[in-house]
Amino acid sequence: MSSTPQQPPASYEAALAELDQLVGRIESGQLPLEQLLTGYQRGAQLLQYCRDQLQAVENQVKVLDAGVLKPWTQE
């Protein structure tokens, strides 16, 4: 992990995959403190990206459903 700012992920799925790998490295307990902090910061960025993407999709669904978010039911 480098200290240079990283680019946003290409997609929601790419962000989840990177976050999953990052969590695995952090949980291994084998990272030096500086890399641990950098990893935590990147994880926070990825988490915010995923939240933003989910919010954007929810907003689009609200528009499609005329402003009313309907509960999803599995049919």
Protein backbone atom coordinates (compact mmCIF):
# COMPACT_ATOMS: atom_id res chain seq x y z
CA MET A 1 0.00 0.00 0.00
CA SER A 2 1.42 3.33 -0.97
CA SER A 3 0.96 6.74 0.60
CA THR A 4 -0.10 8.31 -2.70
CA PRO A 5 -3.81 9.05 -3.19
CA GLN A 6 -5.55 6.20 -4.95
CA GLN A 7 -8.02 6.47 -7.77
CA PRO A 8 -11.69 5.73 -7.19
CA PRO A 9 -12.68 2.16 -8.07
CA ALA A 10 -14.01 1.37 -11.53
CA SER A 11 -17.28 0.03 -10.15
CA TYR A 12 -19.19 -0.92 -7.02
CA GLU A 13 -18.11 -4.53 -7.51
CA ALA A 14 -14.45 -3.52 -7.87
CA ALA A 15 -14.70 -1.48 -4.66
CA LEU A 16 -16.18 -4.44 -2.77
CA ALA A 17 -13.46 -6.76 -4.06
CA GLU A 18 -10.69 -4.34 -3.08
CA LEU A 19 -12.29 -3.77 0.32
CA ASP A 20 -12.53 -7.53 0.91
CA GLN A 21 -8.84 -8.00 0.08
CA LEU A 22 -7.89 -5.04 2.24
CA VAL A 23 -9.82 -6.35 5.24
CA GLY A 24 -8.08 -9.69 4.85
CA ARG A 25 -4.65 -8.05 4.92
CA ILE A 26 -5.56 -5.89 7.91
CA GLU A 27 -7.04 -8.81 9.86
CA SER A 28 -3.93 -10.91 9.22
CA GLY A 29 -2.08 -8.73 11.72
CA GLN A 30 1.04 -8.78 9.55
CA LEU A 31 1.01 -5.16 8.34
CA PRO A 32 3.39 -2.56 9.77
CA LEU A 33 1.64 0.29 11.60
CA GLU A 34 2.05 2.80 8.75
CA GLN A 35 0.57 0.39 6.21
CA LEU A 36 -2.21 -0.44 8.65
CA LEU A 37 -3.17 3.24 8.87
CA THR A 38 -2.98 3.65 5.09
CA GLY A 39 -5.12 0.54 4.65
CA TYR A 40 -7.68 1.81 7.12
CA GLN A 41 -7.88 5.14 5.28
CA ARG A 42 -8.31 3.38 1.93
CA GLY A 43 -10.97 1.15 3.45
CA ALA A 44 -12.87 4.21 4.64
CA GLN A 45 -12.69 5.69 1.12
CA LEU A 46 -13.96 2.46 -0.43
CA LEU A 47 -16.77 2.19 2.10
CA GLN A 48 -17.88 5.76 1.38
CA TYR A 49 -17.75 5.06 -2.37
CA CYS A 50 -19.97 2.00 -1.91
CA ARG A 51 -22.42 3.92 0.26
CA ASP A 52 -22.58 6.72 -2.32
CA GLN A 53 -23.23 4.22 -5.12
CA LEU A 54 -26.01 2.52 -3.15
CA GLN A 55 -27.60 5.91 -2.37
CA ALA A 56 -27.49 6.86 -6.06
CA VAL A 57 -29.25 3.63 -7.01
CA GLU A 58 -31.85 4.14 -4.28
CA ASN A 59 -32.49 7.67 -5.58
CA GLN A 60 -32.95 6.34 -9.12
CA VAL A 61 -35.42 3.73 -7.87
CA LYS A 62 -37.38 6.46 -6.08
CA VAL A 63 -37.61 8.42 -9.33
CA LEU A 64 -38.75 5.34 -11.22
CA ASP A 65 -41.37 4.63 -8.54
CA ALA A 66 -42.70 8.22 -8.64
CA GLY A 67 -40.96 9.30 -5.46
CA VAL A 68 -42.20 6.45 -3.30
CA LEU A 69 -39.67 3.86 -2.22
CA LYS A 70 -41.61 0.62 -2.17
CA PRO A 71 -40.56 -2.32 -0.02
CA TRP A 72 -38.94 -5.09 -1.99
CA THR A 73 -40.68 -8.42 -1.82
CA GLN A 74 -39.26 -11.61 -3.16
CA GLU A 75 -41.81 -13.21 -5.42
